[in-house]
Amino acid sequence: MTREQRDRERTRQASEDLKKASAESEVVGTSGLARHAEQAKAHFSGADADPDDAVEVWGRRIGRGLSLMAFTGLAIYLSVTYL
């Protein structure tokens, strides 16, 4: 392999790596935050339940809401007691 061929191959590889990195990257702070907010919304709304079974959907919503309240209450209690 000649020097020119090696240089072309390295240039091509670098170009592919840059394209791949730009395609996989995201704007820091906006896309990640929006994605996590959307995941939390879907989690607490019971989106993973069978949509035809209203009891299951509402059961998941209520259970997840109560667990969030219990976690918040416990965090407040522990921070007031030990900090």
Protein backbone atom coordinates (compact mmCIF):
# COMPACT_ATOMS: atom_id res chain seq x y z
CA MET A 1 0.00 0.00 0.00
CA THR A 2 1.44 3.35 -1.01
CA ARG A 3 1.55 6.42 1.17
CA GLU A 4 -1.22 8.11 -0.85
CA GLN A 5 -3.50 5.09 -0.42
CA ARG A 6 -2.87 5.04 3.34
CA ASP A 7 -3.60 8.76 3.56
CA ARG A 8 -6.84 8.35 1.57
CA GLU A 9 -7.89 5.42 3.76
CA ARG A 10 -7.17 7.36 6.97
CA THR A 11 -9.06 10.39 5.61
CA ARG A 12 -12.02 8.22 4.65
CA GLN A 13 -12.04 6.52 8.07
CA ALA A 14 -11.82 9.88 9.87
CA SER A 15 -14.68 11.22 7.78
CA GLU A 16 -16.85 8.19 8.61
CA ASP A 17 -16.02 8.52 12.31
CA LEU A 18 -16.99 12.21 12.30
CA LYS A 19 -20.27 11.48 10.52
CA LYS A 20 -21.06 8.70 13.00
CA ALA A 21 -20.22 10.92 15.98
CA SER A 22 -22.38 13.78 14.73
CA ALA A 23 -25.29 11.44 14.05
CA GLU A 24 -25.11 9.91 17.53
CA SER A 25 -24.52 13.14 19.43
CA GLU A 26 -27.17 15.40 20.86
CA VAL A 27 -27.39 18.93 22.13
CA VAL A 28 -26.33 18.84 25.77
CA GLY A 29 -29.09 19.73 28.20
CA THR A 30 -32.03 19.85 25.83
CA SER A 31 -32.46 16.52 24.12
CA GLY A 32 -31.44 14.46 27.13
CA LEU A 33 -33.70 16.42 29.44
CA ALA A 34 -36.61 16.22 27.02
CA ARG A 35 -36.08 12.47 26.55
CA HIS A 36 -36.01 11.81 30.30
CA ALA A 37 -39.07 13.98 30.87
CA GLU A 38 -40.93 12.06 28.18
CA GLN A 39 -39.89 8.74 29.75
CA ALA A 40 -41.08 9.90 33.19
CA LYS A 41 -44.37 11.07 31.71
CA ALA A 42 -44.91 7.73 29.99
CA HIS A 43 -43.95 5.84 33.16
CA PHE A 44 -46.32 7.70 35.48
CA SER A 45 -49.18 7.70 32.97
CA GLY A 46 -49.08 3.90 32.74
CA ALA A 47 -48.26 3.84 29.04
CA ASP A 48 -46.72 0.37 29.37
CA ALA A 49 -50.04 -1.16 30.48
CA ASP A 50 -52.57 -2.75 28.16
CA PRO A 51 -54.57 0.22 26.82
CA ASP A 52 -57.73 -1.88 26.53
CA ASP A 53 -57.73 -2.64 30.28
CA ALA A 54 -58.67 0.61 32.04
CA VAL A 55 -58.35 -0.96 35.50
CA GLU A 56 -54.74 -1.94 34.84
CA VAL A 57 -53.89 1.51 33.47
CA TRP A 58 -55.42 3.33 36.43
CA GLY A 59 -53.95 0.84 38.89
CA ARG A 60 -50.47 1.55 37.56
CA ARG A 61 -51.07 5.31 37.62
CA ILE A 62 -52.32 5.23 41.21
CA GLY A 63 -49.58 2.89 42.40
CA ARG A 64 -46.81 4.90 40.78
CA GLY A 65 -48.25 8.16 42.09
CA LEU A 66 -48.43 6.78 45.61
CA SER A 67 -44.88 5.47 45.38
CA LEU A 68 -43.69 8.92 44.28
CA MET A 69 -45.45 10.53 47.24
CA ALA A 70 -44.00 7.95 49.64
CA PHE A 71 -40.49 8.51 48.25
CA THR A 72 -40.85 12.29 48.55
CA GLY A 73 -42.17 12.00 52.10
CA LEU A 74 -39.37 9.66 53.10
CA ALA A 75 -36.73 11.93 51.56
CA ILE A 76 -38.12 14.95 53.43
CA TYR A 77 -38.32 13.01 56.70
CA LEU A 78 -34.75 11.74 56.41
CA SER A 79 -33.36 15.13 55.44
CA VAL A 80 -35.12 16.88 58.35
CA THR A 81 -34.13 14.20 60.83
CA TYR A 82 -30.50 13.64 59.89
CA LEU A 83 -29.33 16.85 58.20
